[in-house]
Protein backbone atom coordinates (compact mmCIF):
# COMPACT_ATOMS: atom_id res chain seq x y z
CA UNK A 1 30.15 30.90 26.33
CA UNK A 2 29.30 33.22 29.23
CA UNK A 3 26.58 32.19 31.67
CA UNK A 4 25.19 34.29 34.53
CA UNK A 5 23.26 32.71 37.40
CA UNK A 6 21.29 35.03 39.68
CA UNK A 7 20.68 33.53 43.12
CA UNK A 8 22.80 31.13 45.17
CA UNK A 9 20.47 29.07 47.28
CA UNK A 10 20.64 25.33 46.89
CA UNK A 11 19.07 25.48 43.40
CA UNK A 12 21.44 28.14 42.04
CA UNK A 13 24.44 26.36 43.56
CA UNK A 14 23.35 23.03 42.07
CA UNK A 15 23.00 24.62 38.62
CA UNK A 16 26.45 26.20 38.94
CA UNK A 17 28.06 22.89 39.88
CA UNK A 18 26.24 21.00 37.13
CA UNK A 19 27.31 23.44 34.42
CA UNK A 20 30.84 23.74 35.80
CA UNK A 21 31.51 20.19 34.62
CA UNK A 22 31.15 21.30 30.98
CA UNK A 23 34.40 22.57 29.49
CA UNK A 24 34.57 25.99 27.88
CA UNK A 25 31.93 27.77 29.97
CA UNK A 26 32.57 31.00 31.82
CA UNK A 27 30.07 30.93 34.71
CA UNK A 28 29.40 33.74 37.19
CA UNK A 29 26.94 33.50 40.07
CA UNK A 30 25.51 36.63 41.71
CA UNK A 31 23.70 36.89 45.02
CA UNK A 32 22.99 39.93 47.16
CA UNK A 33 23.60 37.74 50.23
CA UNK A 34 25.99 34.99 51.19
CA UNK A 35 25.08 31.51 49.89
CA UNK A 36 22.18 29.55 51.42
CA UNK A 37 20.76 32.58 53.23
CA UNK A 38 17.22 32.57 51.80
CA UNK A 39 14.71 29.74 51.68
CA UNK A 40 17.56 27.19 51.71
CA UNK A 41 18.37 28.22 55.28
CA UNK A 42 14.69 27.79 56.15
CA UNK A 43 14.60 24.13 55.16
CA UNK A 44 14.85 20.99 57.27
CA UNK A 45 16.19 19.01 54.33
CA UNK A 46 13.56 16.26 54.43
CA UNK A 47 13.59 14.80 50.92
CA UNK A 48 10.18 13.25 50.27
CA UNK A 49 10.73 11.60 46.92
CA UNK A 50 9.75 7.93 46.95
CA UNK A 51 7.17 8.55 49.68
CA UNK A 52 5.45 11.31 47.70
CA UNK A 53 2.11 10.64 46.00
CA UNK A 54 3.49 11.67 42.59
CA UNK A 55 3.56 8.54 40.46
CA UNK A 56 3.82 9.65 36.82
CA UNK A 57 4.65 12.49 34.48
CA UNK A 58 7.11 15.30 35.06
CA UNK A 59 6.20 15.62 38.76
CA UNK A 60 7.44 12.09 39.47
CA UNK A 61 10.32 12.11 36.97
CA UNK A 62 12.09 15.07 38.56
CA UNK A 63 11.71 13.53 42.02
CA UNK A 64 13.04 10.17 40.91
CA UNK A 65 15.95 11.77 39.05
CA UNK A 66 16.93 13.73 42.15
CA UNK A 67 16.70 10.76 44.53
CA UNK A 68 18.95 8.76 42.20
CA UNK A 69 21.41 11.63 41.82
CA UNK A 70 21.74 12.22 45.57
CA UNK A 71 23.05 8.67 45.96
CA UNK A 72 26.14 9.70 43.98
CA UNK A 73 26.17 13.49 44.52
CA UNK A 74 26.78 13.51 48.29
CA UNK A 75 29.87 11.25 48.24
CA UNK A 76 31.04 13.03 45.08
CA UNK A 77 30.93 16.46 46.74
CA UNK A 78 32.47 15.18 49.97
CA UNK A 79 35.32 13.64 47.97
CA UNK A 80 35.98 16.80 45.95
CA UNK A 81 35.75 19.31 48.80
CA UNK A 82 36.61 17.36 51.94
CA UNK A 83 33.46 18.82 53.49
CA UNK A 84 31.05 16.65 55.47
CA UNK A 85 27.39 16.85 54.44
CA UNK A 86 25.36 15.58 57.42
CA UNK A 87 22.85 13.08 56.08
CA UNK A 88 20.32 10.78 57.73
CA UNK A 89 20.07 7.64 55.61
CA UNK A 90 17.62 5.82 57.89
CA UNK A 91 14.64 6.86 55.82
CA UNK A 92 11.27 8.47 56.51
CA UNK A 93 8.42 7.04 58.56
CA UNK A 94 5.05 8.60 57.70
CA UNK A 95 2.42 8.07 60.38
CA UNK A 96 -1.08 7.11 59.27
CA UNK A 97 -3.94 8.36 61.42
CA UNK A 98 -7.60 7.58 61.76
CA UNK A 99 -10.04 10.28 60.84
CA UNK A 100 -11.74 10.77 64.23
CA UNK A 101 -15.03 11.59 62.47
CA UNK A 102 -15.04 8.33 60.46
CA UNK A 103 -12.94 5.87 62.49
CA UNK A 104 -14.37 2.71 60.93
CA UNK A 105 -13.99 3.73 57.30
CA UNK A 106 -10.85 5.78 57.05
CA UNK A 107 -8.33 3.29 58.45
CA UNK A 108 -8.99 0.66 55.80
CA UNK A 109 -9.04 3.28 53.05
CA UNK A 110 -5.78 4.88 54.15
CA UNK A 111 -3.93 1.58 54.37
CA UNK A 112 -5.29 0.40 51.00
CA UNK A 113 -4.19 3.63 49.33
CA UNK A 114 -0.63 3.24 50.57
CA UNK A 115 -0.52 -0.42 49.66
CA UNK A 116 -1.39 0.60 46.10
CA UNK A 117 1.46 3.12 46.11
CA UNK A 118 3.79 0.45 47.48
CA UNK A 119 3.02 -1.73 44.44
CA UNK A 120 3.52 1.18 42.06
CA UNK A 121 6.89 1.93 43.62
CA UNK A 122 7.86 -1.74 43.52
CA UNK A 123 7.22 -1.77 39.77
CA UNK A 124 9.30 1.41 39.47
CA UNK A 125 12.18 -0.21 41.35
CA UNK A 126 11.70 1.52 44.71
CA UNK A 127 10.88 0.25 48.19
CA UNK A 128 8.01 1.20 50.48
CA UNK A 129 6.78 -0.75 53.49
CA UNK A 130 3.31 -0.42 55.00
CA UNK A 131 3.28 -1.11 58.74
CA UNK A 132 0.32 -1.84 60.97
CA UNK A 133 0.23 -0.42 64.51
CA UNK A 134 2.05 -3.43 65.96
CA UNK A 135 4.95 -3.18 63.53
CA UNK A 136 5.18 0.58 64.05
CA UNK A 137 5.44 0.01 67.81
CA UNK A 138 8.22 -2.50 67.24
CA UNK A 139 10.36 -0.11 65.20
CA UNK A 140 9.29 3.24 66.71
CA UNK A 141 8.11 2.61 70.29
CA UNK A 142 8.19 6.34 71.00
CA UNK A 143 5.02 6.78 68.94
CA UNK A 144 2.08 6.44 71.29
CA UNK A 145 -1.17 7.85 69.98
CA UNK A 146 -4.44 5.85 69.69
CA UNK A 147 -5.36 7.57 66.42
CA UNK A 148 -2.17 6.35 64.70
CA UNK A 149 -3.13 3.15 62.91
CA UNK A 150 0.22 2.39 61.31
CA UNK A 151 2.86 3.93 59.12
CA UNK A 152 4.57 3.91 55.75
CA UNK A 153 8.34 3.46 55.76
CA UNK A 154 10.48 4.75 52.91
CA UNK A 155 14.05 3.52 53.44
CA UNK A 156 15.45 5.19 50.32
CA UNK A 157 14.41 8.76 51.14
CA UNK A 158 16.92 11.02 52.89
CA UNK A 159 17.25 13.96 55.21
CA UNK A 160 20.31 16.17 54.88
CA UNK A 161 21.70 19.54 55.94
CA UNK A 162 20.74 22.01 53.18
CA UNK A 163 23.29 24.65 54.17
CA UNK A 164 26.16 22.16 54.23
CA UNK A 165 25.03 20.81 50.86
CA UNK A 166 24.87 24.30 49.32
CA UNK A 167 28.31 25.29 50.61
CA UNK A 168 29.75 22.05 49.24
CA UNK A 169 28.16 22.73 45.84
CA UNK A 170 29.66 26.25 45.85
CA UNK A 171 33.09 24.93 46.87
CA UNK A 172 33.06 22.22 44.19
CA UNK A 173 31.89 24.67 41.52
CA UNK A 174 34.64 27.13 42.49
CA UNK A 175 37.20 24.38 42.09
CA UNK A 176 35.85 23.93 38.56
CA UNK A 177 36.36 27.61 37.78
CA UNK A 178 32.98 29.19 38.61
CA UNK A 179 33.15 32.78 39.89
CA UNK A 180 30.84 33.68 42.79
CA UNK A 181 30.00 37.31 43.52
CA UNK A 182 28.28 37.66 46.89
CA UNK A 183 26.97 40.97 48.17
CA UNK A 184 26.22 42.05 44.59
CA UNK A 185 22.72 43.24 43.66
CA UNK A 186 21.12 43.21 40.23
CA UNK A 187 19.78 46.73 39.71
CA UNK A 188 16.55 48.04 38.20
CA UNK A 189 15.23 47.43 34.73
CA UNK A 190 16.92 50.51 33.30
CA UNK A 191 20.13 48.54 33.37
CA UNK A 192 18.71 45.56 31.51
CA UNK A 193 19.24 45.72 27.76
CA UNK A 194 17.76 43.39 25.21
CA UNK A 195 17.85 43.00 21.49
CA UNK A 196 15.14 41.69 19.21
CA UNK A 197 16.18 38.59 17.36
CA UNK A 198 14.16 37.30 14.41
CA UNK A 199 13.41 33.61 14.89
CA UNK A 200 10.82 32.15 12.60
CA UNK A 201 7.92 32.03 13.08
CA UNK A 202 8.01 34.35 16.12
CA UNK A 203 10.09 37.27 17.25
CA UNK A 204 11.89 36.79 20.54
CA UNK A 205 14.11 39.08 22.53
CA UNK A 206 17.63 38.24 23.60
CA UNK A 207 18.92 39.63 26.86
CA UNK A 208 22.35 41.14 26.30
CA UNK A 209 23.36 42.43 29.72
CA UNK A 210 22.29 43.25 33.26
CA UNK A 211 23.37 46.11 35.47
CA UNK A 212 24.71 45.19 38.91
CA UNK A 213 26.34 47.03 41.78
CA UNK A 214 29.63 45.79 40.28
CA UNK A 215 28.85 47.16 36.84
CA UNK A 216 27.25 45.95 33.63
CA UNK A 217 27.51 42.23 33.00
CA UNK A 218 27.11 40.70 29.56
CA UNK A 219 26.36 37.04 28.94
CA UNK A 220 25.01 34.55 26.44
CA UNK A 221 22.63 32.95 28.97
CA UNK A 222 20.97 34.26 32.12
CA UNK A 223 19.52 31.90 34.71
CA UNK A 224 17.19 33.31 37.36
CA UNK A 225 17.21 31.13 40.47
CA UNK A 226 16.59 33.88 42.98
CA UNK A 227 13.64 32.39 44.87
CA UNK A 228 11.41 35.19 46.10
CA UNK A 229 13.66 37.70 44.31
CA UNK A 230 12.66 36.17 40.99
CA UNK A 231 9.41 38.15 40.93
CA UNK A 232 11.19 41.52 40.76
CA UNK A 233 13.78 40.32 38.26
CA UNK A 234 11.20 38.90 35.85
CA UNK A 235 8.97 41.96 36.30
CA UNK A 236 11.88 44.12 35.14
CA UNK A 237 11.87 42.05 31.95
CA UNK A 238 8.10 42.60 31.56
CA UNK A 239 7.53 38.84 32.00
CA UNK A 240 6.49 38.64 35.64
CA UNK A 241 6.69 35.24 37.29
CA UNK A 242 4.72 35.76 40.47
CA UNK A 243 6.46 34.02 43.39
CA UNK A 244 4.87 34.58 46.79
CA UNK A 245 6.26 33.89 50.26
CA UNK A 246 4.99 31.13 52.52
CA UNK A 247 6.36 31.28 56.04
CA UNK A 248 7.59 28.25 57.92
CA UNK A 249 8.50 28.05 61.59
CA UNK A 250 10.34 25.29 63.43
CA UNK A 251 11.54 24.39 66.91
CA UNK A 252 14.85 22.90 68.01
CA UNK A 253 14.26 20.68 71.04
CA UNK A 254 16.69 18.98 73.39
CA UNK A 255 15.45 15.91 75.25
CA UNK A 256 18.83 14.73 76.45
CA UNK A 257 18.15 11.20 75.26
CA UNK A 258 17.20 9.48 72.05
CA UNK A 259 13.55 8.67 71.41
CA UNK A 260 12.67 5.04 70.79
CA UNK A 261 15.27 2.70 69.35
CA UNK A 262 18.73 4.35 69.49
CA UNK A 263 19.81 2.32 66.45
CA UNK A 264 16.84 3.43 64.35
CA UNK A 265 16.38 7.19 64.18
CA UNK A 266 14.53 7.99 60.95
CA UNK A 267 12.67 11.18 60.20
CA UNK A 268 9.10 10.79 61.42
CA UNK A 269 6.38 12.75 59.71
CA UNK A 270 2.65 12.94 60.28
CA UNK A 271 -0.14 15.41 59.67
CA UNK A 272 2.35 17.73 57.93
CA UNK A 273 4.70 17.76 60.96
CA UNK A 274 8.31 16.57 60.68
CA UNK A 275 10.34 15.23 63.61
CA UNK A 276 13.98 15.31 62.53
CA UNK A 277 16.64 13.62 64.70
CA UNK A 278 19.81 15.68 65.10
CA UNK A 279 21.73 13.32 67.38
CA UNK A 280 22.46 13.43 71.12
CA UNK A 281 18.75 13.57 71.89
CA UNK A 282 18.13 16.78 69.93
CA UNK A 283 15.27 17.13 67.43
CA UNK A 284 13.98 19.66 64.95
CA UNK A 285 10.19 19.93 64.77
CA UNK A 286 8.76 21.72 61.78
CA UNK A 287 7.42 23.33 59.92
CA UNK A 288 4.34 25.50 59.91
CA UNK A 289 2.75 26.65 56.65
CA UNK A 290 1.66 30.29 56.91
CA UNK A 291 0.37 32.12 53.86
CA UNK A 292 0.79 35.86 53.20
CA UNK A 293 -1.78 38.61 53.15
CA UNK A 294 -2.69 40.31 49.90
CA UNK A 295 0.29 42.66 50.36
CA UNK A 296 2.68 39.65 50.48
CA UNK A 297 3.42 40.40 54.12
CA UNK A 298 3.43 37.33 56.32
CA UNK A 299 3.90 37.35 60.06
CA UNK A 300 5.05 34.48 62.25
CA UNK A 301 2.32 33.37 64.64
CA UNK A 302 3.65 32.07 67.93
CA UNK A 303 0.48 30.11 68.58
CA UNK A 304 1.12 28.01 65.47
CA UNK A 305 4.58 27.15 66.73
CA UNK A 306 3.12 26.00 70.04
CA UNK A 307 0.48 24.03 68.15
CA UNK A 308 3.28 22.30 66.25
CA UNK A 309 4.98 21.38 69.53
CA UNK A 310 1.75 20.00 70.98
CA UNK A 311 1.17 17.97 67.85
CA UNK A 312 4.62 16.40 68.18
CA UNK A 313 3.92 15.62 71.85
CA UNK A 314 0.61 14.02 70.86
CA UNK A 315 2.52 11.62 68.62
CA UNK A 316 5.42 11.10 71.02
CA UNK A 317 4.51 12.04 74.62
CA UNK A 318 8.16 11.87 75.80
CA UNK A 319 8.76 15.15 73.94
CA UNK A 320 6.80 16.95 76.68
CA UNK A 321 10.04 16.84 78.72
CA UNK A 322 12.15 18.39 75.96
CA UNK A 323 13.50 21.93 76.26
CA UNK A 324 13.09 24.41 73.43
CA UNK A 325 16.63 25.59 72.67
CA UNK A 326 15.76 27.84 69.76
CA UNK A 327 13.20 28.59 67.08
CA UNK A 328 13.51 29.87 63.54
CA UNK A 329 11.31 31.04 60.75
CA UNK A 330 11.93 31.41 57.04
CA UNK A 331 10.15 32.07 53.77
CA UNK A 332 9.57 29.56 51.00
CA UNK A 333 8.98 30.65 47.37
CA UNK A 334 5.62 29.44 46.04
CA UNK A 335 4.37 30.20 42.50
CA UNK A 336 1.03 31.94 42.41
CA UNK A 337 -1.68 30.18 40.42
CA UNK A 338 0.53 27.45 38.97
CA UNK A 339 2.30 24.29 40.13
CA UNK A 340 5.72 24.40 41.73
CA UNK A 341 8.44 24.59 40.57
CA UNK A 342 8.86 26.95 37.60
CA UNK A 343 11.63 25.70 35.30
CA UNK A 344 11.30 27.21 31.85
CA UNK A 345 12.56 29.78 29.40
CA UNK A 346 11.13 33.18 30.17
CA UNK A 347 8.46 33.89 27.52
CA UNK A 348 9.69 36.13 24.71
CA UNK A 349 13.34 35.61 25.65
CA UNK A 350 15.51 33.04 23.93
CA UNK A 351 18.34 33.09 26.47
CA UNK A 352 16.71 33.61 29.89
CA UNK A 353 15.86 30.56 32.01
CA UNK A 354 13.82 30.74 35.19
CA UNK A 355 14.44 28.01 37.76
CA UNK A 356 12.57 29.07 40.84
CA UNK A 357 9.45 28.68 42.99
CA UNK A 358 10.27 25.22 44.34
CA UNK A 359 8.13 25.90 47.44
CA UNK A 360 8.82 23.09 49.92
CA UNK A 361 10.91 20.92 47.58
CA UNK A 362 13.89 23.08 46.67
CA UNK A 363 16.45 20.81 48.30
CA UNK A 364 14.83 17.66 46.95
CA UNK A 365 14.58 18.94 43.38
CA UNK A 366 17.88 20.84 43.12
CA UNK A 367 19.77 18.08 41.25
CA UNK A 368 17.04 17.45 38.69
CA UNK A 369 16.51 21.20 38.24
CA UNK A 370 20.19 21.61 37.45
CA UNK A 371 20.01 18.78 34.92
CA UNK A 372 16.91 20.30 33.32
CA UNK A 373 18.60 23.69 32.96
CA UNK A 374 21.65 22.08 31.37
CA UNK A 375 19.43 20.31 28.84
CA UNK A 376 17.69 23.58 27.99
CA UNK A 377 21.03 25.20 27.15
CA UNK A 378 22.54 22.11 25.55
CA UNK A 379 19.56 20.10 24.19
CA UNK A 380 21.73 17.26 22.93
CA UNK A 381 23.45 16.72 26.30
CA UNK A 382 22.47 13.71 28.37
């Protein structure tokens, strides 16, 4: 069986590695760029699974499946490839703040809400701790803001390096026989041929081949995991999946010393800002959320980056002394008018799967996405 995967960010690479473990498949991955160059490179790798507010249904199931899989996937890939995947296993601390407009009401409500989630997670077999201000100060003395009333600590959530993860997935998949074609572009719709296949009670179309800059490629299955490029590819098949860009910016700061307790350096998040320890007193701060104009053009706003820095300083005043070593910005793929991500067969096609539009959770959901795709091709597989 021949399988073509279009797109080699973390999701495409995870799918390739997952399928490479099934004997008898001939898998080829195409990407116009080198691996992990798109939204994967614009990710901080903060995996908010257990600490998310999703508690049931598919939204929670895919998070839980991924968190469980990462516990085995990282050592598995490191063992196969000899590559190191930098990973912070000290968890995520989410700061809880008072609403300055309702200081007497909101604190109790916020804490009660998280205590409820803690009980839900406990019943699901996961750990969450709800800290008051005193306990937060004990564990994270660098946090000094009167509006912070406490925190939620998720010890089982991770932060990892998305690029290192993606390259390890590619390496492991190659060792299992997957062919990767980088610098190859899928051409316009004139090179896409399909054939109508009668399947009762409806008529679906089966994609037979795609035209690339390396020639025409035939396959039994086509998997579109091209992030923002998925819109054009699905449009060429007259089944447009509208994926729009959302810009994120981040800062890399060097303080020269570790914040707080040197033996406890978790990711700290609050008010949609992540403070990610990188060792040696360096920290990533990110990321902004900047939506496009109607034309899909989105421009980085320097003032939002400075606002992000000031917000981090408000939580941890010591960061005022940190030097900005570099900044970056990148685009995340967000589905228009529907929840993220999109993992489904393309309507009217029996052999085209779309696995895209993960927005801010591509790294988190890559393992469960790969498993879902496998089950769509091989429904009886576990």
